[in-house]
Amino acid sequence: MLPTCPYCRAEIESDQLPPRCPSCHAVLIKAAETQKADAPTVKKAELIHWEDRFSLGITEIDTQHQRLCELINDLFRAVRFNAYGENFIPRAILQLREYTIFHFNAEEKIFKQSSYPKSDEHQKKHDEFIHWVQTLENNYKESVIEIKPLLKFLVEWFIDHTQRIDREYVPYLNKK
């Protein structure tokens, strides 16, 4: 039986886990590293690594997307290594919500300035994600949250948001 990715359950072709899952691209860390990780290992561990393909060519938005990537990675490190203390996870979820609201407001301001025709549809997706994060906060307070599916969802959402959803408005900004 082949080993599987702990996040998406994709089969890994060898006994030596690669640094990233071939399916969801999650960073795979061996169990031994998760038990006793030194500070440099923890600091370097990433669930999602910022890549040029995520860039939209809009400095303000790209910088915000990089910060969202960091927040997802902070949550990953907190879970994987208990890196920041036991109270970090609820703070990380709160930070994710607050920063995402900030980011979405910045995008929506850009939509108005560029007369992006799908701004209402895009804003609805923003509202859905904010609602999801608020539900996540409530569920965490009630101890009914599974972290691995949460992290998988955040990576999938981030990639979809930067690669598909946000790419739709870039041509309208370039017309301006």
C-alpha atoms as a PDB file:
ATOM      1  CA  MET A   1       0.000   0.000   0.000  1.00  0.00           C
ATOM      2  CA  LEU A   2       1.363   3.409  -0.981  1.00  0.00           C
ATOM      3  CA  PRO A   3       1.620   6.235   1.562  1.00  0.00           C
ATOM      4  CA  THR A   4      -0.945   9.005   1.202  1.00  0.00           C
ATOM      5  CA  CYS A   5      -0.922  12.757   1.626  1.00  0.00           C
ATOM      6  CA  PRO A   6      -2.406  13.639   5.029  1.00  0.00           C
ATOM      7  CA  TYR A   7      -4.401  16.515   3.497  1.00  0.00           C
ATOM      8  CA  CYS A   8      -5.934  15.261   0.260  1.00  0.00           C
ATOM      9  CA  ARG A   9      -5.288  11.517   0.595  1.00  0.00           C
ATOM     10  CA  ALA A  10      -3.521  11.334  -2.791  1.00  0.00           C
ATOM     11  CA  GLU A  11      -1.213   8.360  -3.083  1.00  0.00           C
ATOM     12  CA  ILE A  12       2.503   9.128  -2.945  1.00  0.00           C
ATOM     13  CA  GLU A  13       4.539   7.014  -5.358  1.00  0.00           C
ATOM     14  CA  SER A  14       7.536   6.301  -3.120  1.00  0.00           C
ATOM     15  CA  ASP A  15       8.381   5.584   0.493  1.00  0.00           C
ATOM     16  CA  GLN A  16      10.352   8.829   0.618  1.00  0.00           C
ATOM     17  CA  LEU A  17       7.765  11.570   0.852  1.00  0.00           C
ATOM     18  CA  PRO A  18       8.474  14.430  -1.596  1.00  0.00           C
ATOM     19  CA  PRO A  19       8.534  17.963  -0.251  1.00  0.00           C
ATOM     20  CA  ARG A  20       5.130  18.587  -1.848  1.00  0.00           C
ATOM     21  CA  CYS A  21       2.131  16.392  -2.578  1.00  0.00           C
ATOM     22  CA  PRO A  22       1.738  15.860  -6.337  1.00  0.00           C
ATOM     23  CA  SER A  23      -2.006  16.454  -6.051  1.00  0.00           C
ATOM     24  CA  CYS A  24      -2.661  19.315  -3.613  1.00  0.00           C
ATOM     25  CA  HIS A  25       0.939  20.590  -3.448  1.00  0.00           C
ATOM     26  CA  ALA A  26       0.920  20.575   0.345  1.00  0.00           C
ATOM     27  CA  VAL A  27       4.301  20.481   2.005  1.00  0.00           C
ATOM     28  CA  LEU A  28       4.723  17.032   3.459  1.00  0.00           C
ATOM     29  CA  ILE A  29       6.638  16.767   6.694  1.00  0.00           C
ATOM     30  CA  LYS A  30       7.698  13.425   8.097  1.00  0.00           C
ATOM     31  CA  ALA A  31       6.264  12.477  11.466  1.00  0.00           C
ATOM     32  CA  ALA A  32       9.682  12.612  13.104  1.00  0.00           C
ATOM     33  CA  GLU A  33      10.002  16.259  12.100  1.00  0.00           C
ATOM     34  CA  THR A  34       6.621  17.097  13.526  1.00  0.00           C
ATOM     35  CA  GLN A  35       7.513  15.782  16.970  1.00  0.00           C
ATOM     36  CA  LYS A  36      10.807  17.581  17.500  1.00  0.00           C
ATOM     37  CA  ALA A  37      11.239  20.475  15.127  1.00  0.00           C
ATOM     38  CA  ASP A  38      13.778  23.178  15.768  1.00  0.00           C
ATOM     39  CA  ALA A  39      12.943  26.848  15.175  1.00  0.00           C
ATOM     40  CA  PRO A  40      14.492  27.037  11.663  1.00  0.00           C
ATOM     41  CA  THR A  41      12.525  23.965  10.553  1.00  0.00           C
ATOM     42  CA  VAL A  42       9.295  25.418  11.888  1.00  0.00           C
ATOM     43  CA  LYS A  43       9.964  28.785  10.279  1.00  0.00           C
ATOM     44  CA  LYS A  44      10.621  27.215   6.847  1.00  0.00           C
ATOM     45  CA  ALA A  45       7.627  24.867   6.916  1.00  0.00           C
ATOM     46  CA  GLU A  46       4.976  25.966   4.459  1.00  0.00           C
ATOM     47  CA  LEU A  47       1.692  24.463   3.434  1.00  0.00           C
ATOM     48  CA  ILE A  48       1.561  26.743   0.438  1.00  0.00           C
ATOM     49  CA  HIS A  49       4.542  28.496  -1.085  1.00  0.00           C
ATOM     50  CA  TRP A  50       4.131  31.828  -2.878  1.00  0.00           C
ATOM     51  CA  GLU A  51       4.902  31.325  -6.548  1.00  0.00           C
ATOM     52  CA  ASP A  52       5.091  33.741  -9.462  1.00  0.00           C
ATOM     53  CA  ARG A  53       1.999  32.104 -10.954  1.00  0.00           C
ATOM     54  CA  PHE A  54      -0.076  33.585  -8.102  1.00  0.00           C
ATOM     55  CA  SER A  55       0.913  37.115  -9.082  1.00  0.00           C
ATOM     56  CA  LEU A  56      -1.714  39.231 -10.819  1.00  0.00           C
ATOM     57  CA  GLY A  57       0.721  42.013 -11.667  1.00  0.00           C
ATOM     58  CA  ILE A  58      -1.063  44.423  -9.297  1.00  0.00           C
ATOM     59  CA  THR A  59       1.411  45.243  -6.527  1.00  0.00           C
ATOM     60  CA  GLU A  60      -1.171  46.090  -3.862  1.00  0.00           C
ATOM     61  CA  ILE A  61      -3.178  42.908  -4.429  1.00  0.00           C
ATOM     62  CA  ASP A  62      -0.127  40.671  -4.869  1.00  0.00           C
ATOM     63  CA  THR A  63       1.283  41.924  -1.558  1.00  0.00           C
ATOM     64  CA  GLN A  64      -2.033  41.191   0.145  1.00  0.00           C
ATOM     65  CA  HIS A  65      -2.188  37.722  -1.422  1.00  0.00           C
ATOM     66  CA  GLN A  66       1.326  37.043  -0.114  1.00  0.00           C
ATOM     67  CA  ARG A  67       0.145  38.031   3.369  1.00  0.00           C
ATOM     68  CA  LEU A  68      -2.860  35.693   3.071  1.00  0.00           C
ATOM     69  CA  CYS A  69      -0.417  32.944   2.097  1.00  0.00           C
ATOM     70  CA  GLU A  70       1.638  33.733   5.239  1.00  0.00           C
ATOM     71  CA  LEU A  71      -1.470  33.586   7.431  1.00  0.00           C
ATOM     72  CA  ILE A  72      -2.389  30.158   6.041  1.00  0.00           C
ATOM     73  CA  ASN A  73       1.180  29.005   6.693  1.00  0.00           C
ATOM     74  CA  ASP A  74       1.104  30.398  10.237  1.00  0.00           C
ATOM     75  CA  LEU A  75      -2.021  28.370  10.933  1.00  0.00           C
ATOM     76  CA  PHE A  76      -0.355  25.298   9.400  1.00  0.00           C
ATOM     77  CA  ARG A  77       2.764  25.714  11.578  1.00  0.00           C
ATOM     78  CA  ALA A  78       0.638  26.243  14.672  1.00  0.00           C
ATOM     79  CA  VAL A  79      -1.217  23.009  14.033  1.00  0.00           C
ATOM     80  CA  ARG A  80       1.715  20.922  12.796  1.00  0.00           C
ATOM     81  CA  PHE A  81       4.278  21.954  15.387  1.00  0.00           C
ATOM     82  CA  ASN A  82       2.198  23.593  18.122  1.00  0.00           C
ATOM     83  CA  ALA A  83       4.595  26.365  17.195  1.00  0.00           C
ATOM     84  CA  TYR A  84       3.032  29.390  18.805  1.00  0.00           C
ATOM     85  CA  GLY A  85       1.308  28.049  21.917  1.00  0.00           C
ATOM     86  CA  GLU A  86      -2.122  26.584  22.468  1.00  0.00           C
ATOM     87  CA  ASN A  87      -4.033  29.860  22.126  1.00  0.00           C
ATOM     88  CA  PHE A  88      -2.610  30.669  18.713  1.00  0.00           C
ATOM     89  CA  ILE A  89      -5.147  28.821  16.565  1.00  0.00           C
ATOM     90  CA  PRO A  90      -8.150  30.977  17.522  1.00  0.00           C
ATOM     91  CA  ARG A  91      -5.992  34.106  17.092  1.00  0.00           C
ATOM     92  CA  ALA A  92      -4.820  32.851  13.676  1.00  0.00           C
ATOM     93  CA  ILE A  93      -8.411  32.289  12.573  1.00  0.00           C
ATOM     94  CA  LEU A  94      -9.328  35.783  13.769  1.00  0.00           C
ATOM     95  CA  GLN A  95      -6.332  37.272  11.922  1.00  0.00           C
ATOM     96  CA  LEU A  96      -7.309  35.389   8.790  1.00  0.00           C
ATOM     97  CA  ARG A  97     -10.840  36.791   8.975  1.00  0.00           C
ATOM     98  CA  GLU A  98      -9.743  40.348   9.679  1.00  0.00           C
ATOM     99  CA  TYR A  99      -7.052  40.405   7.007  1.00  0.00           C
ATOM    100  CA  THR A 100      -9.329  38.783   4.456  1.00  0.00           C
ATOM    101  CA  ILE A 101     -11.937  41.482   5.076  1.00  0.00           C
ATOM    102  CA  PHE A 102      -9.233  44.130   4.614  1.00  0.00           C
ATOM    103  CA  HIS A 103      -8.073  42.452   1.385  1.00  0.00           C
ATOM    104  CA  PHE A 104     -11.586  42.036   0.000  1.00  0.00           C
ATOM    105  CA  ASN A 105     -12.367  45.699   0.730  1.00  0.00           C
ATOM    106  CA  ALA A 106      -9.235  46.713  -1.197  1.00  0.00           C
ATOM    107  CA  GLU A 107     -10.267  44.551  -4.157  1.00  0.00           C
ATOM    108  CA  GLU A 108     -13.804  45.914  -4.115  1.00  0.00           C
ATOM    109  CA  LYS A 109     -12.472  49.484  -4.114  1.00  0.00           C
ATOM    110  CA  ILE A 110     -10.420  48.608  -7.206  1.00  0.00           C
ATOM    111  CA  PHE A 111     -13.548  47.145  -8.833  1.00  0.00           C
ATOM    112  CA  LYS A 112     -15.400  50.421  -8.384  1.00  0.00           C
ATOM    113  CA  GLN A 113     -12.497  52.447  -9.755  1.00  0.00           C
ATOM    114  CA  SER A 114     -12.229  50.234 -12.842  1.00  0.00           C
ATOM    115  CA  SER A 115     -15.965  49.669 -13.449  1.00  0.00           C
ATOM    116  CA  TYR A 116     -15.470  45.894 -13.297  1.00  0.00           C
ATOM    117  CA  PRO A 117     -18.792  44.480 -14.593  1.00  0.00           C
ATOM    118  CA  LYS A 118     -18.732  41.337 -12.428  1.00  0.00           C
ATOM    119  CA  SER A 119     -18.031  43.168  -9.170  1.00  0.00           C
ATOM    120  CA  ASP A 120     -21.339  42.123  -7.558  1.00  0.00           C
ATOM    121  CA  GLU A 121     -20.725  38.472  -8.398  1.00  0.00           C
ATOM    122  CA  HIS A 122     -17.147  38.689  -7.125  1.00  0.00           C
ATOM    123  CA  GLN A 123     -18.249  40.451  -3.953  1.00  0.00           C
ATOM    124  CA  LYS A 124     -20.745  37.647  -3.331  1.00  0.00           C
ATOM    125  CA  LYS A 125     -17.837  35.178  -3.353  1.00  0.00           C
ATOM    126  CA  HIS A 126     -16.044  37.403  -0.853  1.00  0.00           C
ATOM    127  CA  ASP A 127     -19.117  37.440   1.394  1.00  0.00           C
ATOM    128  CA  GLU A 128     -19.385  33.645   1.193  1.00  0.00           C
ATOM    129  CA  PHE A 129     -15.763  33.223   2.256  1.00  0.00           C
ATOM    130  CA  ILE A 130     -16.111  35.677   5.152  1.00  0.00           C
ATOM    131  CA  HIS A 131     -19.217  33.790   6.292  1.00  0.00           C
ATOM    132  CA  TRP A 132     -17.243  30.537   6.065  1.00  0.00           C
ATOM    133  CA  VAL A 133     -14.439  31.964   8.238  1.00  0.00           C
ATOM    134  CA  GLN A 134     -16.952  33.273  10.785  1.00  0.00           C
ATOM    135  CA  THR A 135     -18.537  29.818  10.931  1.00  0.00           C
ATOM    136  CA  LEU A 136     -15.056  28.377  11.384  1.00  0.00           C
ATOM    137  CA  GLU A 137     -14.448  30.713  14.333  1.00  0.00           C
ATOM    138  CA  ASN A 138     -17.721  29.659  15.956  1.00  0.00           C
ATOM    139  CA  ASN A 139     -17.057  25.971  15.356  1.00  0.00           C
ATOM    140  CA  TYR A 140     -13.571  26.264  16.825  1.00  0.00           C
ATOM    141  CA  LYS A 141     -15.005  27.859  19.967  1.00  0.00           C
ATOM    142  CA  GLU A 142     -17.376  24.901  20.213  1.00  0.00           C
ATOM    143  CA  SER A 143     -14.547  22.407  19.510  1.00  0.00           C
ATOM    144  CA  VAL A 144     -16.194  21.007  16.387  1.00  0.00           C
ATOM    145  CA  ILE A 145     -13.475  21.649  13.847  1.00  0.00           C
ATOM    146  CA  GLU A 146     -11.194  19.309  11.949  1.00  0.00           C
ATOM    147  CA  ILE A 147      -7.953  21.059  11.127  1.00  0.00           C
ATOM    148  CA  LYS A 148      -6.672  18.941   8.212  1.00  0.00           C
ATOM    149  CA  PRO A 149      -9.767  19.503   6.041  1.00  0.00           C
ATOM    150  CA  LEU A 150      -9.657  23.174   7.028  1.00  0.00           C
ATOM    151  CA  LEU A 151      -6.070  23.553   5.834  1.00  0.00           C
ATOM    152  CA  LYS A 152      -6.829  21.677   2.632  1.00  0.00           C
ATOM    153  CA  PHE A 153      -9.800  23.947   1.983  1.00  0.00           C
ATOM    154  CA  LEU A 154      -7.723  27.092   2.599  1.00  0.00           C
ATOM    155  CA  VAL A 155      -5.056  25.999   0.105  1.00  0.00           C
ATOM    156  CA  GLU A 156      -7.679  25.107  -2.507  1.00  0.00           C
ATOM    157  CA  TRP A 157      -9.526  28.374  -1.898  1.00  0.00           C
ATOM    158  CA  PHE A 158      -6.326  30.430  -2.132  1.00  0.00           C
ATOM    159  CA  ILE A 159      -5.259  28.823  -5.396  1.00  0.00           C
ATOM    160  CA  ASP A 160      -8.745  29.119  -6.912  1.00  0.00           C
ATOM    161  CA  HIS A 161      -9.082  32.720  -5.700  1.00  0.00           C
ATOM    162  CA  THR A 162      -5.748  33.866  -7.163  1.00  0.00           C
ATOM    163  CA  GLN A 163      -5.692  31.710 -10.281  1.00  0.00           C
ATOM    164  CA  ARG A 164      -9.285  31.854 -11.440  1.00  0.00           C
ATOM    165  CA  ILE A 165     -11.564  34.276  -9.607  1.00  0.00           C
ATOM    166  CA  ASP A 166      -9.205  37.261  -9.354  1.00  0.00           C
ATOM    167  CA  ARG A 167      -7.753  36.766 -12.830  1.00  0.00           C
ATOM    168  CA  GLU A 168     -11.155  37.683 -14.251  1.00  0.00           C
ATOM    169  CA  TYR A 169     -10.818  41.333 -13.216  1.00  0.00           C
ATOM    170  CA  VAL A 170      -7.201  41.907 -14.310  1.00  0.00           C
ATOM    171  CA  PRO A 171      -8.053  42.741 -17.957  1.00  0.00           C
ATOM    172  CA  TYR A 172     -10.466  45.447 -16.783  1.00  0.00           C
ATOM    173  CA  LEU A 173      -7.757  47.084 -14.698  1.00  0.00           C
ATOM    174  CA  ASN A 174      -5.365  47.051 -17.601  1.00  0.00           C
ATOM    175  CA  LYS A 175      -7.918  48.904 -19.777  1.00  0.00           C
ATOM    176  CA  LYS A 176      -8.001  51.802 -17.365  1.00  0.00           C
END
